[in-house]
């Protein structure tokens, strides 16, 4: 009923032992590979550098996309504000033109322009008198010094 070691379990056959040994060898090989990978500092450092590069590239792409989004939004806002400013300027110019027309200043200016074109002599005389006055003032100032 019992063998030399006192065990009552049946003996495993040779094929089962070989399979168990193969399994143990495979597990031992995986363990050795894992230990070797942990011990290979140079390879681990390269892996870490590569991971860091990938993270930085991803962050750069993300930052670029954010910048593009903000620039696009800002461009839209600037265009909107510029359009509003243009509309406001046109409105103000229209109001100013209307007020000038209402006051009759535009008609008076156009009448004066037409009168100068018809008879340029008074305008020329006033211009000549102004030049003469400026000339006299310059001559007198030159003598004082």
N, C-alpha and C. Protein backbone atom coordinates (compact mmCIF):
# COMPACT_ATOMS: atom_id res chain seq x y z
N UNK A 1 0.79 -1.15 0.00
CA UNK A 1 0.00 0.00 0.00
C UNK A 1 0.86 1.25 0.00
N UNK A 2 1.95 1.29 0.63
CA UNK A 2 2.81 2.45 0.59
C UNK A 2 4.16 2.08 0.02
N UNK A 3 4.83 3.14 -0.55
CA UNK A 3 6.17 2.94 -1.13
C UNK A 3 7.21 3.23 -0.07
N UNK A 4 8.40 3.41 -0.53
CA UNK A 4 9.50 3.64 0.39
C UNK A 4 9.35 4.96 1.15
N UNK A 5 8.78 5.97 0.51
CA UNK A 5 8.67 7.27 1.18
C UNK A 5 7.39 7.39 1.97
N UNK A 6 6.56 6.43 1.94
CA UNK A 6 5.36 6.41 2.74
C UNK A 6 4.18 7.07 2.06
N UNK A 7 4.25 7.38 0.79
CA UNK A 7 3.17 8.04 0.07
C UNK A 7 2.20 7.01 -0.44
N UNK A 8 0.94 7.33 -0.39
CA UNK A 8 -0.08 6.42 -0.87
C UNK A 8 -0.57 6.81 -2.26
N UNK A 9 -0.11 7.97 -2.78
CA UNK A 9 -0.55 8.43 -4.10
C UNK A 9 0.15 7.62 -5.18
N UNK A 10 -0.56 7.42 -6.29
CA UNK A 10 0.07 6.65 -7.37
C UNK A 10 1.22 7.45 -7.98
N UNK A 11 2.22 6.78 -8.53
CA UNK A 11 3.38 7.41 -9.14
C UNK A 11 2.96 8.05 -10.47
N UNK A 12 3.41 9.27 -10.72
CA UNK A 12 3.11 9.86 -12.02
C UNK A 12 3.93 9.17 -13.09
N UNK A 13 3.37 9.07 -14.25
CA UNK A 13 4.10 8.39 -15.33
C UNK A 13 5.17 9.33 -15.90
N UNK A 14 6.03 8.83 -16.71
CA UNK A 14 7.18 9.58 -17.25
C UNK A 14 6.73 10.74 -18.13
N UNK A 15 5.67 10.54 -18.88
CA UNK A 15 5.17 11.61 -19.78
C UNK A 15 4.66 12.79 -18.97
N UNK A 16 3.99 12.58 -17.89
CA UNK A 16 3.48 13.65 -17.04
C UNK A 16 4.65 14.40 -16.40
N UNK A 17 5.68 13.67 -16.00
CA UNK A 17 6.86 14.31 -15.43
C UNK A 17 7.55 15.19 -16.46
N UNK A 18 7.66 14.70 -17.69
CA UNK A 18 8.29 15.49 -18.76
C UNK A 18 7.48 16.76 -19.02
N UNK A 19 6.17 16.66 -19.04
CA UNK A 19 5.33 17.83 -19.27
C UNK A 19 5.49 18.84 -18.15
N UNK A 20 5.57 18.34 -16.92
CA UNK A 20 5.75 19.23 -15.77
C UNK A 20 7.10 19.91 -15.82
N UNK A 21 8.12 19.19 -16.21
CA UNK A 21 9.47 19.76 -16.34
C UNK A 21 9.48 20.83 -17.44
N UNK A 22 8.82 20.54 -18.55
CA UNK A 22 8.76 21.52 -19.65
C UNK A 22 8.03 22.79 -19.20
N UNK A 23 6.97 22.60 -18.47
CA UNK A 23 6.22 23.76 -17.95
C UNK A 23 7.09 24.57 -17.00
N UNK A 24 7.80 23.90 -16.11
CA UNK A 24 8.67 24.58 -15.15
C UNK A 24 9.79 25.32 -15.88
N UNK A 25 10.36 24.68 -16.92
CA UNK A 25 11.42 25.34 -17.70
C UNK A 25 10.88 26.61 -18.38
N UNK A 26 9.69 26.53 -18.93
CA UNK A 26 9.10 27.69 -19.60
C UNK A 26 8.88 28.82 -18.61
N UNK A 27 8.34 28.50 -17.44
CA UNK A 27 8.11 29.52 -16.41
C UNK A 27 9.43 30.11 -15.94
N UNK A 28 10.43 29.24 -15.77
CA UNK A 28 11.75 29.70 -15.34
C UNK A 28 12.37 30.61 -16.41
N UNK A 29 12.19 30.26 -17.69
CA UNK A 29 12.71 31.09 -18.78
C UNK A 29 12.06 32.47 -18.78
N UNK A 30 10.75 32.50 -18.57
CA UNK A 30 10.05 33.80 -18.52
C UNK A 30 10.54 34.63 -17.34
N UNK A 31 10.76 33.99 -16.21
CA UNK A 31 11.25 34.70 -15.03
C UNK A 31 12.64 35.25 -15.28
N UNK A 32 13.50 34.45 -15.91
CA UNK A 32 14.87 34.90 -16.22
C UNK A 32 14.82 36.08 -17.17
N UNK A 33 13.94 36.01 -18.18
CA UNK A 33 13.82 37.13 -19.14
C UNK A 33 13.34 38.40 -18.44
N UNK A 34 12.39 38.26 -17.54
CA UNK A 34 11.89 39.42 -16.81
C UNK A 34 12.98 40.03 -15.94
N UNK A 35 13.75 39.18 -15.27
CA UNK A 35 14.86 39.66 -14.44
C UNK A 35 15.94 40.31 -15.30
N UNK A 36 16.22 39.75 -16.44
CA UNK A 36 17.23 40.32 -17.35
C UNK A 36 16.76 41.68 -17.86
N UNK A 37 15.47 41.80 -18.18
CA UNK A 37 14.94 43.08 -18.66
C UNK A 37 15.04 44.14 -17.58
N UNK A 38 14.77 43.76 -16.33
CA UNK A 38 14.88 44.72 -15.23
C UNK A 38 16.34 45.09 -14.98
N UNK A 39 17.23 44.18 -15.19
CA UNK A 39 18.65 44.43 -14.95
C UNK A 39 19.28 45.23 -16.09
N UNK A 40 18.67 45.25 -17.29
CA UNK A 40 19.23 45.96 -18.44
C UNK A 40 18.86 47.44 -18.33
N UNK A 41 19.69 48.21 -17.62
CA UNK A 41 19.42 49.62 -17.35
C UNK A 41 19.43 50.43 -18.65
N UNK A 42 20.35 50.14 -19.53
CA UNK A 42 20.46 50.89 -20.78
C UNK A 42 19.18 50.76 -21.62
N UNK A 43 18.66 49.56 -21.74
CA UNK A 43 17.43 49.35 -22.51
C UNK A 43 16.24 50.02 -21.83
N UNK A 44 16.19 49.95 -20.51
CA UNK A 44 15.10 50.60 -19.78
C UNK A 44 15.16 52.11 -19.95
N UNK A 45 16.39 52.66 -19.93
CA UNK A 45 16.55 54.11 -20.12
C UNK A 45 16.09 54.51 -21.52
N UNK A 46 16.45 53.71 -22.51
CA UNK A 46 16.01 54.00 -23.89
C UNK A 46 14.50 53.96 -23.99
N UNK A 47 13.90 52.97 -23.35
CA UNK A 47 12.44 52.88 -23.35
C UNK A 47 11.81 54.10 -22.69
N UNK A 48 12.39 54.52 -21.58
CA UNK A 48 11.87 55.69 -20.87
C UNK A 48 11.99 56.94 -21.73
N UNK A 49 13.14 57.08 -22.42
CA UNK A 49 13.34 58.23 -23.30
C UNK A 49 12.31 58.21 -24.43
N UNK A 50 12.08 57.06 -25.00
CA UNK A 50 11.12 56.93 -26.09
C UNK A 50 9.70 57.26 -25.61
N UNK A 51 9.35 56.79 -24.42
CA UNK A 51 8.03 57.11 -23.87
C UNK A 51 7.89 58.61 -23.63
N UNK A 52 8.95 59.23 -23.11
CA UNK A 52 8.93 60.67 -22.86
C UNK A 52 8.79 61.43 -24.18
N UNK A 53 9.51 60.98 -25.21
CA UNK A 53 9.39 61.63 -26.53
C UNK A 53 7.95 61.57 -27.03
N UNK A 54 7.36 60.41 -26.90
CA UNK A 54 5.98 60.25 -27.37
C UNK A 54 5.02 61.16 -26.60
N UNK A 55 5.24 61.25 -25.28
CA UNK A 55 4.39 62.14 -24.47
C UNK A 55 4.54 63.59 -24.90
N UNK A 56 5.80 64.02 -25.11
CA UNK A 56 6.07 65.40 -25.50
C UNK A 56 5.46 65.69 -26.88
N UNK A 57 5.59 64.75 -27.81
CA UNK A 57 5.00 64.94 -29.14
C UNK A 57 3.48 65.07 -29.03
N UNK A 58 2.88 64.22 -28.22
CA UNK A 58 1.42 64.28 -28.06
C UNK A 58 1.01 65.61 -27.43
N UNK A 59 1.77 66.08 -26.44
CA UNK A 59 1.46 67.36 -25.81
C UNK A 59 1.64 68.51 -26.79
N UNK A 60 2.67 68.42 -27.65
CA UNK A 60 2.90 69.47 -28.64
C UNK A 60 1.75 69.53 -29.64
N UNK A 61 1.30 68.37 -30.07
CA UNK A 61 0.17 68.32 -31.01
C UNK A 61 -1.07 68.91 -30.36
N UNK A 62 -1.30 68.53 -29.12
CA UNK A 62 -2.47 69.03 -28.39
C UNK A 62 -2.39 70.55 -28.21
N UNK A 63 -1.20 71.05 -27.86
CA UNK A 63 -1.01 72.49 -27.68
C UNK A 63 -1.23 73.22 -29.00
N UNK A 64 -0.71 72.64 -30.09
CA UNK A 64 -0.91 73.25 -31.41
C UNK A 64 -2.38 73.34 -31.77
N UNK A 65 -3.12 72.29 -31.47
CA UNK A 65 -4.55 72.30 -31.76
C UNK A 65 -5.27 73.36 -30.93
N UNK A 66 -4.87 73.48 -29.66
CA UNK A 66 -5.48 74.50 -28.80
C UNK A 66 -5.19 75.90 -29.33
N UNK A 67 -3.94 76.12 -29.76
CA UNK A 67 -3.56 77.43 -30.30
C UNK A 67 -4.37 77.73 -31.55
N UNK A 68 -4.51 76.74 -32.43
CA UNK A 68 -5.30 76.94 -33.65
C UNK A 68 -6.75 77.27 -33.31
N UNK A 69 -7.30 76.56 -32.33
CA UNK A 69 -8.69 76.83 -31.93
C UNK A 69 -8.84 78.25 -31.39
N UNK A 70 -7.91 78.65 -30.53
CA UNK A 70 -7.98 79.99 -29.94
C UNK A 70 -7.80 81.05 -31.04
N UNK A 71 -6.86 80.81 -31.95
CA UNK A 71 -6.63 81.77 -33.04
C UNK A 71 -7.87 81.88 -33.92
N UNK A 72 -8.49 80.76 -34.20
CA UNK A 72 -9.69 80.78 -35.04
C UNK A 72 -10.81 81.55 -34.35
N UNK A 73 -10.97 81.30 -33.06
CA UNK A 73 -11.99 82.01 -32.29
C UNK A 73 -11.69 83.50 -32.24
N UNK A 74 -10.43 83.85 -31.99
CA UNK A 74 -10.05 85.26 -31.93
C UNK A 74 -10.25 85.94 -33.28
N UNK A 75 -9.92 85.25 -34.36
CA UNK A 75 -10.11 85.82 -35.69
C UNK A 75 -11.58 86.12 -35.93
N UNK A 76 -12.42 85.20 -35.55
CA UNK A 76 -13.86 85.42 -35.71
C UNK A 76 -14.33 86.62 -34.91
N UNK A 77 -13.85 86.73 -33.68
CA UNK A 77 -14.25 87.86 -32.84
C UNK A 77 -13.75 89.19 -33.43
N UNK A 78 -12.51 89.19 -33.92
CA UNK A 78 -11.95 90.41 -34.50
C UNK A 78 -12.76 90.82 -35.73
N UNK A 79 -13.09 89.85 -36.56
CA UNK A 79 -13.90 90.17 -37.74
C UNK A 79 -15.25 90.74 -37.34
N UNK A 80 -15.84 90.15 -36.33
CA UNK A 80 -17.14 90.62 -35.87
C UNK A 80 -17.05 92.06 -35.35
N UNK A 81 -16.04 92.34 -34.53
CA UNK A 81 -15.86 93.67 -33.99
C UNK A 81 -15.54 94.67 -35.10
N UNK A 82 -14.72 94.25 -36.07
CA UNK A 82 -14.39 95.14 -37.18
C UNK A 82 -15.63 95.46 -38.01
N UNK A 83 -16.46 94.46 -38.23
CA UNK A 83 -17.70 94.69 -38.97
C UNK A 83 -18.60 95.66 -38.22
N UNK A 84 -18.70 95.48 -36.91
CA UNK A 84 -19.52 96.39 -36.10
C UNK A 84 -18.95 97.81 -36.14
N UNK A 85 -17.63 97.93 -36.07
CA UNK A 85 -17.00 99.25 -36.11
C UNK A 85 -17.25 99.90 -37.47
N UNK A 86 -17.15 99.12 -38.54
CA UNK A 86 -17.42 99.66 -39.87
C UNK A 86 -18.85 100.13 -40.01
N UNK A 87 -19.77 99.32 -39.48
CA UNK A 87 -21.18 99.72 -39.52
C UNK A 87 -21.41 101.01 -38.74
N UNK A 88 -20.78 101.09 -37.58
CA UNK A 88 -20.94 102.28 -36.73
C UNK A 88 -20.34 103.51 -37.43
N UNK A 89 -19.18 103.33 -38.08
CA UNK A 89 -18.54 104.45 -38.78
C UNK A 89 -19.41 104.91 -39.94
N UNK A 90 -19.98 103.98 -40.69
CA UNK A 90 -20.88 104.35 -41.80
C UNK A 90 -22.10 105.09 -41.28
N UNK A 91 -22.64 104.60 -40.19
CA UNK A 91 -23.82 105.24 -39.59
C UNK A 91 -23.49 106.66 -39.14
N UNK A 92 -22.34 106.83 -38.48
CA UNK A 92 -21.93 108.14 -38.01
C UNK A 92 -21.67 109.08 -39.18
N UNK A 93 -21.02 108.58 -40.22
CA UNK A 93 -20.75 109.40 -41.40
C UNK A 93 -22.05 109.83 -42.07
N UNK A 94 -23.00 108.93 -42.13
CA UNK A 94 -24.30 109.26 -42.72
C UNK A 94 -25.00 110.34 -41.89
N UNK A 95 -24.95 110.17 -40.57
CA UNK A 95 -25.57 111.17 -39.69
C UNK A 95 -24.89 112.53 -39.85
N UNK A 96 -23.57 112.53 -39.93
CA UNK A 96 -22.84 113.79 -40.07
C UNK A 96 -23.18 114.45 -41.41
N UNK A 97 -23.23 113.65 -42.46
CA UNK A 97 -23.58 114.20 -43.78
C UNK A 97 -24.98 114.79 -43.75
N UNK A 98 -25.90 114.08 -43.12
CA UNK A 98 -27.27 114.59 -43.02
C UNK A 98 -27.32 115.90 -42.26
N UNK A 99 -26.57 116.02 -41.16
CA UNK A 99 -26.56 117.25 -40.37
C UNK A 99 -25.96 118.41 -41.16
N UNK A 100 -24.90 118.12 -41.94
CA UNK A 100 -24.29 119.17 -42.75
C UNK A 100 -25.28 119.64 -43.81
N UNK A 101 -25.99 118.71 -44.40
CA UNK A 101 -27.00 119.07 -45.42
C UNK A 101 -28.12 119.89 -44.78
N UNK A 102 -28.55 119.47 -43.58
CA UNK A 102 -29.63 120.18 -42.89
C UNK A 102 -29.23 121.60 -42.53
N UNK A 103 -27.97 121.78 -42.13
CA UNK A 103 -27.52 123.11 -41.72
C UNK A 103 -27.30 124.03 -42.91
N UNK A 104 -27.19 123.48 -44.09
CA UNK A 104 -26.98 124.30 -45.28
C UNK A 104 -25.52 124.64 -45.51
N UNK A 105 -24.62 124.14 -44.67
CA UNK A 105 -23.20 124.43 -44.83
C UNK A 105 -22.66 123.84 -46.12
N UNK A 106 -23.17 122.70 -46.50
CA UNK A 106 -22.70 122.07 -47.74
C UNK A 106 -23.09 122.93 -48.94
N UNK A 107 -24.31 123.43 -48.92
CA UNK A 107 -24.75 124.29 -50.03
C UNK A 107 -23.91 125.57 -50.07
N UNK A 108 -23.63 126.15 -48.90
CA UNK A 108 -22.83 127.38 -48.85
C UNK A 108 -21.41 127.12 -49.36
N UNK A 109 -20.84 125.97 -49.00
CA UNK A 109 -19.50 125.63 -49.46
C UNK A 109 -19.49 125.41 -50.97
N UNK A 110 -20.51 124.76 -51.47
CA UNK A 110 -20.58 124.54 -52.91
C UNK A 110 -20.79 125.87 -53.65
N UNK A 111 -21.58 126.78 -53.07
CA UNK A 111 -21.78 128.10 -53.68
C UNK A 111 -20.47 128.87 -53.71
N UNK A 112 -19.72 128.80 -52.59
CA UNK A 112 -18.44 129.51 -52.53
C UNK A 112 -17.46 128.93 -53.56
N UNK A 113 -17.46 127.63 -53.70
CA UNK A 113 -16.58 127.00 -54.68
C UNK A 113 -16.96 127.44 -56.09
N UNK A 114 -18.22 127.47 -56.38
CA UNK A 114 -18.66 127.89 -57.71
C UNK A 114 -18.31 129.36 -57.95
N UNK A 115 -18.45 130.21 -56.95
CA UNK A 115 -18.13 131.63 -57.09
C UNK A 115 -16.64 131.82 -57.35
N UNK A 116 -15.77 131.06 -56.65
CA UNK A 116 -14.33 131.16 -56.88
C UNK A 116 -13.98 130.70 -58.28
N UNK A 117 -14.67 129.70 -58.78
CA UNK A 117 -14.41 129.22 -60.15
C UNK A 117 -14.86 130.27 -61.17
N UNK A 118 -15.95 130.94 -60.90
CA UNK A 118 -16.44 131.96 -61.83
C UNK A 118 -15.57 133.21 -61.79
N UNK A 119 -15.15 133.60 -60.59
CA UNK A 119 -14.38 134.84 -60.45
C UNK A 119 -13.23 134.57 -59.48
N UNK A 120 -12.08 134.08 -59.93
CA UNK A 120 -10.98 133.73 -59.04
C UNK A 120 -10.21 134.93 -58.51
N UNK A 121 -10.47 136.12 -59.00
CA UNK A 121 -9.71 137.29 -58.60
C UNK A 121 -9.77 137.59 -57.10
N UNK A 122 -10.94 137.62 -56.45
CA UNK A 122 -10.94 137.90 -55.00
C UNK A 122 -10.16 136.84 -54.21
N UNK A 123 -10.29 135.60 -54.57
CA UNK A 123 -9.55 134.53 -53.87
C UNK A 123 -8.06 134.72 -54.05
N UNK A 124 -7.65 135.05 -55.28
CA UNK A 124 -6.24 135.26 -55.58
C UNK A 124 -5.72 136.46 -54.81
N UNK A 125 -6.51 137.51 -54.71
CA UNK A 125 -6.09 138.72 -53.99
C UNK A 125 -5.91 138.42 -52.51
N UNK A 126 -6.81 137.67 -51.93
CA UNK A 126 -6.70 137.31 -50.51
C UNK A 126 -5.46 136.43 -50.30
N UNK A 127 -5.23 135.52 -51.20
CA UNK A 127 -4.06 134.64 -51.10
C UNK A 127 -2.78 135.45 -51.22
N UNK A 128 -2.72 136.37 -52.15
CA UNK A 128 -1.53 137.21 -52.33
C UNK A 128 -1.30 138.08 -51.09
N UNK A 129 -2.36 138.62 -50.52
CA UNK A 129 -2.22 139.45 -49.33
C UNK A 129 -1.68 138.62 -48.16
N UNK A 130 -2.18 137.41 -48.03
CA UNK A 130 -1.69 136.53 -46.97
C UNK A 130 -0.21 136.23 -47.14
N UNK A 131 0.21 135.96 -48.38
CA UNK A 131 1.63 135.68 -48.63
C UNK A 131 2.47 136.93 -48.33
N UNK A 132 1.97 138.11 -48.67
CA UNK A 132 2.70 139.34 -48.41
C UNK A 132 2.87 139.56 -46.92
N UNK A 133 1.84 139.30 -46.16
CA UNK A 133 1.91 139.47 -44.70
C UNK A 133 2.93 138.51 -44.10
N UNK A 134 2.91 137.27 -44.55
CA UNK A 134 3.87 136.28 -44.05
C UNK A 134 5.28 136.72 -44.42
N UNK A 135 5.48 137.22 -45.64
CA UNK A 135 6.80 137.69 -46.07
C UNK A 135 7.30 138.84 -45.23
N UNK A 136 6.45 139.80 -44.95
CA UNK A 136 6.83 140.95 -44.13
C UNK A 136 7.21 140.49 -42.73
N UNK A 137 6.45 139.61 -42.16
CA UNK A 137 6.75 139.11 -40.81
C UNK A 137 8.10 138.41 -40.80
N UNK A 138 8.39 137.61 -41.79
CA UNK A 138 9.68 136.91 -41.85
C UNK A 138 10.83 137.89 -42.00
N UNK A 139 10.65 138.92 -42.81
CA UNK A 139 11.72 139.91 -43.00
C UNK A 139 11.97 140.65 -41.69
N UNK A 140 10.92 141.06 -41.00
CA UNK A 140 11.08 141.77 -39.74
C UNK A 140 11.75 140.90 -38.68
N UNK A 141 11.41 139.67 -38.65
CA UNK A 141 12.04 138.75 -37.65
C UNK A 141 13.52 138.56 -37.98
N UNK A 142 13.83 138.50 -39.26
CA UNK A 142 15.22 138.33 -39.67
C UNK A 142 16.09 139.52 -39.27
N UNK A 143 15.53 140.70 -39.28
CA UNK A 143 16.29 141.91 -38.92
C UNK A 143 16.52 141.99 -37.42
N UNK A 144 15.64 141.47 -36.62
CA UNK A 144 15.78 141.53 -35.16
C UNK A 144 16.96 140.71 -34.67
N UNK A 145 17.24 139.68 -35.31
CA UNK A 145 18.32 138.78 -34.84
C UNK A 145 19.60 139.32 -35.28
